[in-house]
Amino acid sequence: MTQLNKRVQANVNKKVASQAELVMDELGLNPTVVINALYKKIAATGEIPFSFKLTPEQMDDIKLHEALESIPTKKIRSKSDLKDFFDEE
């Protein structure tokens, strides 16, 4: 006998799962229905039905991090290094 269904398992953050399940409950859905709908949409369109991209704020954070990484640093290992550091113009 051929089995029509395949079991799909995924690890999901507990807090995110709880929040999503509250939404699903309000809509009268369960995770199986939602996952099946997602798979059907992917199969029908050949694409993931949401965008995986960074927000403008996340992009700004990356740019800031890159800018901070490009600032030259100097190791201070002694009191005289510290004095020299603050005496530099």
PDB file of N, CA and C in Angstrom:
ATOM      1  N   MET A   1       0.841  -1.184   0.000  1.00  0.00           N
ATOM      2  CA  MET A   1       0.000   0.000   0.000  1.00  0.00           C
ATOM      3  C   MET A   1       0.884   1.245   0.000  1.00  0.00           C
ATOM      4  N   THR A   2       0.583   2.179  -0.873  1.00  0.00           N
ATOM      5  CA  THR A   2       1.355   3.406  -0.984  1.00  0.00           C
ATOM      6  C   THR A   2       0.858   4.427   0.033  1.00  0.00           C
ATOM      7  N   GLN A   3       1.800   5.057   0.713  1.00  0.00           N
ATOM      8  CA  GLN A   3       1.447   6.075   1.694  1.00  0.00           C
ATOM      9  C   GLN A   3       1.377   7.428   0.992  1.00  0.00           C
ATOM     10  N   LEU A   4       0.302   8.184   1.202  1.00  0.00           N
ATOM     11  CA  LEU A   4       0.107   9.465   0.533  1.00  0.00           C
ATOM     12  C   LEU A   4       0.760  10.630   1.266  1.00  0.00           C
ATOM     13  N   ASN A   5       0.948  10.496   2.546  1.00  0.00           N
ATOM     14  CA  ASN A   5       1.500  11.592   3.335  1.00  0.00           C
ATOM     15  C   ASN A   5       2.938  11.312   3.740  1.00  0.00           C
ATOM     16  N   LYS A   6       3.683  12.381   3.895  1.00  0.00           N
ATOM     17  CA  LYS A   6       5.066  12.306   4.365  1.00  0.00           C
ATOM     18  C   LYS A   6       5.171  13.152   5.626  1.00  0.00           C
ATOM     19  N   ARG A   7       5.848  12.626   6.635  1.00  0.00           N
ATOM     20  CA  ARG A   7       6.045  13.367   7.875  1.00  0.00           C
ATOM     21  C   ARG A   7       7.181  14.363   7.670  1.00  0.00           C
ATOM     22  N   VAL A   8       6.930  15.619   8.042  1.00  0.00           N
ATOM     23  CA  VAL A   8       7.932  16.682   7.968  1.00  0.00           C
ATOM     24  C   VAL A   8       8.128  17.211   9.381  1.00  0.00           C
ATOM     25  N   GLN A   9       9.375  17.247   9.833  1.00  0.00           N
ATOM     26  CA  GLN A   9       9.666  17.746  11.174  1.00  0.00           C
ATOM     27  C   GLN A   9      10.599  18.940  11.080  1.00  0.00           C
ATOM     28  N   ALA A  10      10.416  19.892  11.977  1.00  0.00           N
ATOM     29  CA  ALA A  10      11.276  21.074  12.021  1.00  0.00           C
ATOM     30  C   ALA A  10      11.412  21.534  13.460  1.00  0.00           C
ATOM     31  N   ASN A  11      12.547  22.103  13.779  1.00  0.00           N
ATOM     32  CA  ASN A  11      12.752  22.713  15.088  1.00  0.00           C
ATOM     33  C   ASN A  11      12.368  24.183  14.990  1.00  0.00           C
ATOM     34  N   VAL A  12      11.535  24.621  15.922  1.00  0.00           N
ATOM     35  CA  VAL A  12      11.044  25.996  15.932  1.00  0.00           C
ATOM     36  C   VAL A  12      11.228  26.553  17.336  1.00  0.00           C
ATOM     37  N   ASN A  13      11.638  27.801  17.418  1.00  0.00           N
ATOM     38  CA  ASN A  13      11.775  28.481  18.700  1.00  0.00           C
ATOM     39  C   ASN A  13      10.445  28.381  19.459  1.00  0.00           C
ATOM     40  N   LYS A  14      10.508  27.993  20.737  1.00  0.00           N
ATOM     41  CA  LYS A  14       9.289  27.760  21.530  1.00  0.00           C
ATOM     42  C   LYS A  14       8.389  28.993  21.599  1.00  0.00           C
ATOM     43  N   LYS A  15       8.989  30.157  21.834  1.00  0.00           N
ATOM     44  CA  LYS A  15       8.196  31.385  21.962  1.00  0.00           C
ATOM     45  C   LYS A  15       7.520  31.720  20.633  1.00  0.00           C
ATOM     46  N   VAL A  16       8.275  31.616  19.548  1.00  0.00           N
ATOM     47  CA  VAL A  16       7.714  31.893  18.221  1.00  0.00           C
ATOM     48  C   VAL A  16       6.596  30.905  17.909  1.00  0.00           C
ATOM     49  N   ALA A  17       6.805  29.631  18.229  1.00  0.00           N
ATOM     50  CA  ALA A  17       5.780  28.612  17.979  1.00  0.00           C
ATOM     51  C   ALA A  17       4.505  28.926  18.754  1.00  0.00           C
ATOM     52  N   SER A  18       4.650  29.299  20.010  1.00  0.00           N
ATOM     53  CA  SER A  18       3.472  29.624  20.831  1.00  0.00           C
ATOM     54  C   SER A  18       2.710  30.810  20.255  1.00  0.00           C
ATOM     55  N   GLN A  19       3.453  31.843  19.854  1.00  0.00           N
ATOM     56  CA  GLN A  19       2.805  33.026  19.285  1.00  0.00           C
ATOM     57  C   GLN A  19       2.086  32.681  17.979  1.00  0.00           C
ATOM     58  N   ALA A  20       2.762  31.917  17.123  1.00  0.00           N
ATOM     59  CA  ALA A  20       2.160  31.534  15.840  1.00  0.00           C
ATOM     60  C   ALA A  20       0.932  30.656  16.056  1.00  0.00           C
ATOM     61  N   GLU A  21       0.998  29.756  17.021  1.00  0.00           N
ATOM     62  CA  GLU A  21      -0.129  28.865  17.288  1.00  0.00           C
ATOM     63  C   GLU A  21      -1.338  29.631  17.828  1.00  0.00           C
ATOM     64  N   LEU A  22      -1.100  30.710  18.570  1.00  0.00           N
ATOM     65  CA  LEU A  22      -2.215  31.556  19.012  1.00  0.00           C
ATOM     66  C   LEU A  22      -2.926  32.167  17.809  1.00  0.00           C
ATOM     67  N   VAL A  23      -2.142  32.645  16.849  1.00  0.00           N
ATOM     68  CA  VAL A  23      -2.719  33.220  15.629  1.00  0.00           C
ATOM     69  C   VAL A  23      -3.491  32.150  14.865  1.00  0.00           C
ATOM     70  N   MET A  24      -2.875  30.980  14.708  1.00  0.00           N
ATOM     71  CA  MET A  24      -3.544  29.887  13.993  1.00  0.00           C
ATOM     72  C   MET A  24      -4.851  29.507  14.676  1.00  0.00           C
ATOM     73  N   ASP A  25      -4.828  29.412  16.009  1.00  0.00           N
ATOM     74  CA  ASP A  25      -6.044  29.071  16.760  1.00  0.00           C
ATOM     75  C   ASP A  25      -7.150  30.087  16.486  1.00  0.00           C
ATOM     76  N   GLU A  26      -6.801  31.364  16.493  1.00  0.00           N
ATOM     77  CA  GLU A  26      -7.786  32.416  16.235  1.00  0.00           C
ATOM     78  C   GLU A  26      -8.377  32.288  14.836  1.00  0.00           C
ATOM     79  N   LEU A  27      -7.567  31.799  13.901  1.00  0.00           N
ATOM     80  CA  LEU A  27      -8.026  31.625  12.518  1.00  0.00           C
ATOM     81  C   LEU A  27      -8.686  30.268  12.292  1.00  0.00           C
ATOM     82  N   GLY A  28      -8.708  29.435  13.334  1.00  0.00           N
ATOM     83  CA  GLY A  28      -9.304  28.107  13.209  1.00  0.00           C
ATOM     84  C   GLY A  28      -8.428  27.139  12.433  1.00  0.00           C
ATOM     85  N   LEU A  29      -7.130  27.364  12.461  1.00  0.00           N
ATOM     86  CA  LEU A  29      -6.180  26.517  11.733  1.00  0.00           C
ATOM     87  C   LEU A  29      -5.258  25.807  12.708  1.00  0.00           C
ATOM     88  N   ASN A  30      -4.541  24.819  12.194  1.00  0.00           N
ATOM     89  CA  ASN A  30      -3.513  24.159  12.994  1.00  0.00           C
ATOM     90  C   ASN A  30      -2.227  24.110  12.168  1.00  0.00           C
ATOM     91  N   PRO A  31      -1.092  23.792  12.796  1.00  0.00           N
ATOM     92  CA  PRO A  31       0.176  23.789  12.060  1.00  0.00           C
ATOM     93  C   PRO A  31       0.170  22.898  10.819  1.00  0.00           C
ATOM     94  N   THR A  32      -0.492  21.755  10.869  1.00  0.00           N
ATOM     95  CA  THR A  32      -0.523  20.857   9.712  1.00  0.00           C
ATOM     96  C   THR A  32      -1.190  21.531   8.513  1.00  0.00           C
ATOM     97  N   VAL A  33      -2.306  22.194   8.749  1.00  0.00           N
ATOM     98  CA  VAL A  33      -3.017  22.885   7.667  1.00  0.00           C
ATOM     99  C   VAL A  33      -2.144  23.998   7.085  1.00  0.00           C
ATOM    100  N   VAL A  34      -1.502  24.767   7.954  1.00  0.00           N
ATOM    101  CA  VAL A  34      -0.668  25.884   7.500  1.00  0.00           C
ATOM    102  C   VAL A  34       0.537  25.377   6.712  1.00  0.00           C
ATOM    103  N   ILE A  35       1.184  24.331   7.207  1.00  0.00           N
ATOM    104  CA  ILE A  35       2.357  23.781   6.511  1.00  0.00           C
ATOM    105  C   ILE A  35       1.949  23.191   5.165  1.00  0.00           C
ATOM    106  N   ASN A  36       0.816  22.490   5.116  1.00  0.00           N
ATOM    107  CA  ASN A  36       0.331  21.962   3.839  1.00  0.00           C
ATOM    108  C   ASN A  36       0.043  23.088   2.848  1.00  0.00           C
ATOM    109  N   ALA A  37      -0.560  24.168   3.326  1.00  0.00           N
ATOM    110  CA  ALA A  37      -0.846  25.307   2.446  1.00  0.00           C
ATOM    111  C   ALA A  37       0.455  25.917   1.920  1.00  0.00           C
ATOM    112  N   LEU A  38       1.459  26.020   2.793  1.00  0.00           N
ATOM    113  CA  LEU A  38       2.758  26.552   2.380  1.00  0.00           C
ATOM    114  C   LEU A  38       3.379  25.670   1.303  1.00  0.00           C
ATOM    115  N   TYR A  39       3.402  24.376   1.522  1.00  0.00           N
ATOM    116  CA  TYR A  39       3.973  23.438   0.544  1.00  0.00           C
ATOM    117  C   TYR A  39       3.230  23.506  -0.793  1.00  0.00           C
ATOM    118  N   LYS A  40       1.891  23.589  -0.743  1.00  0.00           N
ATOM    119  CA  LYS A  40       1.106  23.670  -1.980  1.00  0.00           C
ATOM    120  C   LYS A  40       1.429  24.947  -2.749  1.00  0.00           C
ATOM    121  N   LYS A  41       1.582  26.052  -2.026  1.00  0.00           N
ATOM    122  CA  LYS A  41       1.912  27.333  -2.663  1.00  0.00           C
ATOM    123  C   LYS A  41       3.286  27.259  -3.321  1.00  0.00           C
ATOM    124  N   ILE A  42       4.261  26.681  -2.628  1.00  0.00           N
ATOM    125  CA  ILE A  42       5.610  26.529  -3.192  1.00  0.00           C
ATOM    126  C   ILE A  42       5.559  25.653  -4.440  1.00  0.00           C
ATOM    127  N   ALA A  43       4.844  24.548  -4.368  1.00  0.00           N
ATOM    128  CA  ALA A  43       4.744  23.633  -5.506  1.00  0.00           C
ATOM    129  C   ALA A  43       4.053  24.298  -6.699  1.00  0.00           C
ATOM    130  N   ALA A  44       3.028  25.099  -6.433  1.00  0.00           N
ATOM    131  CA  ALA A  44       2.257  25.724  -7.509  1.00  0.00           C
ATOM    132  C   ALA A  44       2.994  26.882  -8.176  1.00  0.00           C
ATOM    133  N   THR A  45       3.768  27.625  -7.380  1.00  0.00           N
ATOM    134  CA  THR A  45       4.398  28.844  -7.918  1.00  0.00           C
ATOM    135  C   THR A  45       5.888  28.687  -8.197  1.00  0.00           C
ATOM    136  N   GLY A  46       6.499  27.687  -7.586  1.00  0.00           N
ATOM    137  CA  GLY A  46       7.940  27.517  -7.749  1.00  0.00           C
ATOM    138  C   GLY A  46       8.756  28.518  -6.960  1.00  0.00           C
ATOM    139  N   GLU A  47       8.138  29.133  -5.970  1.00  0.00           N
ATOM    140  CA  GLU A  47       8.868  30.105  -5.146  1.00  0.00           C
ATOM    141  C   GLU A  47       8.355  30.093  -3.714  1.00  0.00           C
ATOM    142  N   ILE A  48       9.202  30.602  -2.819  1.00  0.00           N
ATOM    143  CA  ILE A  48       8.815  30.751  -1.412  1.00  0.00           C
ATOM    144  C   ILE A  48       7.915  31.988  -1.332  1.00  0.00           C
ATOM    145  N   PRO A  49       6.730  31.884  -0.713  1.00  0.00           N
ATOM    146  CA  PRO A  49       5.766  32.982  -0.774  1.00  0.00           C
ATOM    147  C   PRO A  49       6.008  34.148   0.187  1.00  0.00           C
ATOM    148  N   PHE A  50       7.216  34.313   0.642  1.00  0.00           N
ATOM    149  CA  PHE A  50       7.540  35.509   1.411  1.00  0.00           C
ATOM    150  C   PHE A  50       8.983  35.874   1.149  1.00  0.00           C
ATOM    151  N   SER A  51       9.284  37.103   1.445  1.00  0.00           N
ATOM    152  CA  SER A  51      10.599  37.639   1.118  1.00  0.00           C
ATOM    153  C   SER A  51      11.565  37.446   2.286  1.00  0.00           C
ATOM    154  N   PHE A  52      12.740  36.957   1.960  1.00  0.00           N
ATOM    155  CA  PHE A  52      13.801  36.849   2.955  1.00  0.00           C
ATOM    156  C   PHE A  52      14.774  37.987   2.693  1.00  0.00           C
ATOM    157  N   LYS A  53      14.558  39.099   3.358  1.00  0.00           N
ATOM    158  CA  LYS A  53      15.468  40.220   3.189  1.00  0.00           C
ATOM    159  C   LYS A  53      15.546  40.995   4.493  1.00  0.00           C
ATOM    160  N   LEU A  54      16.598  41.763   4.608  1.00  0.00           N
ATOM    161  CA  LEU A  54      16.808  42.542   5.817  1.00  0.00           C
ATOM    162  C   LEU A  54      15.976  43.816   5.780  1.00  0.00           C
ATOM    163  N   THR A  55      15.573  44.271   6.965  1.00  0.00           N
ATOM    164  CA  THR A  55      14.888  45.554   7.057  1.00  0.00           C
ATOM    165  C   THR A  55      15.918  46.663   6.869  1.00  0.00           C
ATOM    166  N   PRO A  56      15.469  47.877   6.563  1.00  0.00           N
ATOM    167  CA  PRO A  56      16.424  48.986   6.463  1.00  0.00           C
ATOM    168  C   PRO A  56      17.232  49.167   7.750  1.00  0.00           C
ATOM    169  N   GLU A  57      16.603  48.942   8.897  1.00  0.00           N
ATOM    170  CA  GLU A  57      17.314  49.076  10.170  1.00  0.00           C
ATOM    171  C   GLU A  57      18.413  48.025  10.300  1.00  0.00           C
ATOM    172  N   GLN A  58      18.126  46.796   9.875  1.00  0.00           N
ATOM    173  CA  GLN A  58      19.142  45.743   9.923  1.00  0.00           C
ATOM    174  C   GLN A  58      20.300  46.062   8.981  1.00  0.00           C
ATOM    175  N   MET A  59      19.990  46.610   7.817  1.00  0.00           N
ATOM    176  CA  MET A  59      21.047  47.015   6.880  1.00  0.00           C
ATOM    177  C   MET A  59      21.904  48.121   7.491  1.00  0.00           C
ATOM    178  N   ASP A  60      21.255  49.080   8.174  1.00  0.00           N
ATOM    179  CA  ASP A  60      22.003  50.148   8.841  1.00  0.00           C
ATOM    180  C   ASP A  60      22.928  49.578   9.908  1.00  0.00           C
ATOM    181  N   ASP A  61      22.445  48.587  10.664  1.00  0.00           N
ATOM    182  CA  ASP A  61      23.280  47.943  11.682  1.00  0.00           C
ATOM    183  C   ASP A  61      24.515  47.299  11.061  1.00  0.00           C
ATOM    184  N   ILE A  62      24.333  46.645   9.914  1.00  0.00           N
ATOM    185  CA  ILE A  62      25.464  46.004   9.236  1.00  0.00           C
ATOM    186  C   ILE A  62      26.460  47.055   8.766  1.00  0.00           C
ATOM    187  N   LYS A  63      25.950  48.135   8.181  1.00  0.00           N
ATOM    188  CA  LYS A  63      26.838  49.207   7.710  1.00  0.00           C
ATOM    189  C   LYS A  63      27.607  49.819   8.875  1.00  0.00           C
ATOM    190  N   LEU A  64      26.929  50.030   9.997  1.00  0.00           N
ATOM    191  CA  LEU A  64      27.593  50.577  11.177  1.00  0.00           C
ATOM    192  C   LEU A  64      28.669  49.628  11.672  1.00  0.00           C
ATOM    193  N   HIS A  65      28.351  48.345  11.733  1.00  0.00           N
ATOM    194  CA  HIS A  65      29.324  47.343  12.174  1.00  0.00           C
ATOM    195  C   HIS A  65      30.544  47.345  11.259  1.00  0.00           C
ATOM    196  N   GLU A  66      30.315  47.396   9.946  1.00  0.00           N
ATOM    197  CA  GLU A  66      31.430  47.423   8.995  1.00  0.00           C
ATOM    198  C   GLU A  66      32.266  48.684   9.174  1.00  0.00           C
ATOM    199  N   ALA A  67      31.600  49.821   9.394  1.00  0.00           N
ATOM    200  CA  ALA A  67      32.326  51.075   9.597  1.00  0.00           C
ATOM    201  C   ALA A  67      33.169  51.009  10.864  1.00  0.00           C
ATOM    202  N   LEU A  68      32.602  50.449  11.926  1.00  0.00           N
ATOM    203  CA  LEU A  68      33.348  50.332  13.181  1.00  0.00           C
ATOM    204  C   LEU A  68      34.538  49.391  13.029  1.00  0.00           C
ATOM    205  N   GLU A  69      34.362  48.330  12.248  1.00  0.00           N
ATOM    206  CA  GLU A  69      35.454  47.379  12.023  1.00  0.00           C
ATOM    207  C   GLU A  69      36.606  48.016  11.249  1.00  0.00           C
ATOM    208  N   SER A  70      36.303  49.029  10.429  1.00  0.00           N
ATOM    209  CA  SER A  70      37.345  49.644   9.606  1.00  0.00           C
ATOM    210  C   SER A  70      38.141  50.714  10.353  1.00  0.00           C
ATOM    211  N   ILE A  71      37.698  51.077  11.548  1.00  0.00           N
ATOM    212  CA  ILE A  71      38.431  52.072  12.338  1.00  0.00           C
ATOM    213  C   ILE A  71      39.694  51.420  12.879  1.00  0.00           C
ATOM    214  N   PRO A  72      40.854  52.053  12.621  1.00  0.00           N
ATOM    215  CA  PRO A  72      42.092  51.458  13.142  1.00  0.00           C
ATOM    216  C   PRO A  72      42.090  51.445  14.673  1.00  0.00           C
ATOM    217  N   THR A  73      42.630  50.395  15.227  1.00  0.00           N
ATOM    218  CA  THR A  73      42.723  50.289  16.681  1.00  0.00           C
ATOM    219  C   THR A  73      44.183  50.218  17.088  1.00  0.00           C
ATOM    220  N   LYS A  74      44.412  50.587  18.315  1.00  0.00           N
ATOM    221  CA  LYS A  74      45.771  50.564  18.843  1.00  0.00           C
ATOM    222  C   LYS A  74      45.718  49.906  20.211  1.00  0.00           C
ATOM    223  N   LYS A  75      46.571  48.929  20.424  1.00  0.00           N
ATOM    224  CA  LYS A  75      46.625  48.270  21.723  1.00  0.00           C
ATOM    225  C   LYS A  75      47.461  49.112  22.679  1.00  0.00           C
ATOM    226  N   ILE A  76      46.913  49.286  23.866  1.00  0.00           N
ATOM    227  CA  ILE A  76      47.609  50.036  24.909  1.00  0.00           C
ATOM    228  C   ILE A  76      48.039  49.035  25.964  1.00  0.00           C
ATOM    229  N   ARG A  77      49.353  48.920  26.121  1.00  0.00           N
ATOM    230  CA  ARG A  77      49.890  47.898  27.026  1.00  0.00           C
ATOM    231  C   ARG A  77      50.629  48.476  28.225  1.00  0.00           C
ATOM    232  N   SER A  78      50.767  49.777  28.241  1.00  0.00           N
ATOM    233  CA  SER A  78      51.497  50.384  29.363  1.00  0.00           C
ATOM    234  C   SER A  78      50.972  51.796  29.598  1.00  0.00           C
ATOM    235  N   LYS A  79      51.390  52.368  30.712  1.00  0.00           N
ATOM    236  CA  LYS A  79      50.995  53.745  31.014  1.00  0.00           C
ATOM    237  C   LYS A  79      51.559  54.705  29.981  1.00  0.00           C
ATOM    238  N   SER A  80      52.753  54.424  29.491  1.00  0.00           N
ATOM    239  CA  SER A  80      53.336  55.331  28.496  1.00  0.00           C
ATOM    240  C   SER A  80      52.577  55.224  27.169  1.00  0.00           C
ATOM    241  N   ASP A  81      52.109  54.010  26.802  1.00  0.00           N
ATOM    242  CA  ASP A  81      51.269  53.868  25.606  1.00  0.00           C
ATOM    243  C   ASP A  81      49.981  54.679  25.766  1.00  0.00           C
ATOM    244  N   LEU A  82      49.404  54.643  26.959  1.00  0.00           N
ATOM    245  CA  LEU A  82      48.182  55.389  27.233  1.00  0.00           C
ATOM    246  C   LEU A  82      48.433  56.884  27.106  1.00  0.00           C
ATOM    247  N   LYS A  83      49.528  57.343  27.676  1.00  0.00           N
ATOM    248  CA  LYS A  83      49.881  58.766  27.588  1.00  0.00           C
ATOM    249  C   LYS A  83      50.092  59.161  26.132  1.00  0.00           C
ATOM    250  N   ASP A  84      50.837  58.351  25.394  1.00  0.00           N
ATOM    251  CA  ASP A  84      51.089  58.641  23.978  1.00  0.00           C
ATOM    252  C   ASP A  84      49.782  58.682  23.186  1.00  0.00           C
ATOM    253  N   PHE A  85      48.877  57.784  23.508  1.00  0.00           N
ATOM    254  CA  PHE A  85      47.598  57.725  22.808  1.00  0.00           C
ATOM    255  C   PHE A  85      46.831  59.034  22.959  1.00  0.00           C
ATOM    256  N   PHE A  86      46.772  59.565  24.183  1.00  0.00           N
ATOM    257  CA  PHE A  86      46.018  60.790  24.420  1.00  0.00           C
ATOM    258  C   PHE A  86      46.786  62.039  24.020  1.00  0.00           C
ATOM    259  N   ASP A  87      48.093  61.938  23.872  1.00  0.00           N
ATOM    260  CA  ASP A  87      48.888  63.092  23.446  1.00  0.00           C
ATOM    261  C   ASP A  87      48.921  63.236  21.930  1.00  0.00           C
ATOM    262  N   GLU A  88      48.541  62.180  21.201  1.00  0.00           N
ATOM    263  CA  GLU A  88      48.538  62.244  19.738  1.00  0.00           C
ATOM    264  C   GLU A  88      47.461  63.205  19.261  1.00  0.00           C
ATOM    265  N   GLU A  89      47.761  63.867  18.150  1.00  0.00           N
ATOM    266  CA  GLU A  89      46.765  64.783  17.592  1.00  0.00           C
ATOM    267  C   GLU A  89      46.253  64.289  16.293  1.00  0.00           C
TER     268      GLU A  89
END
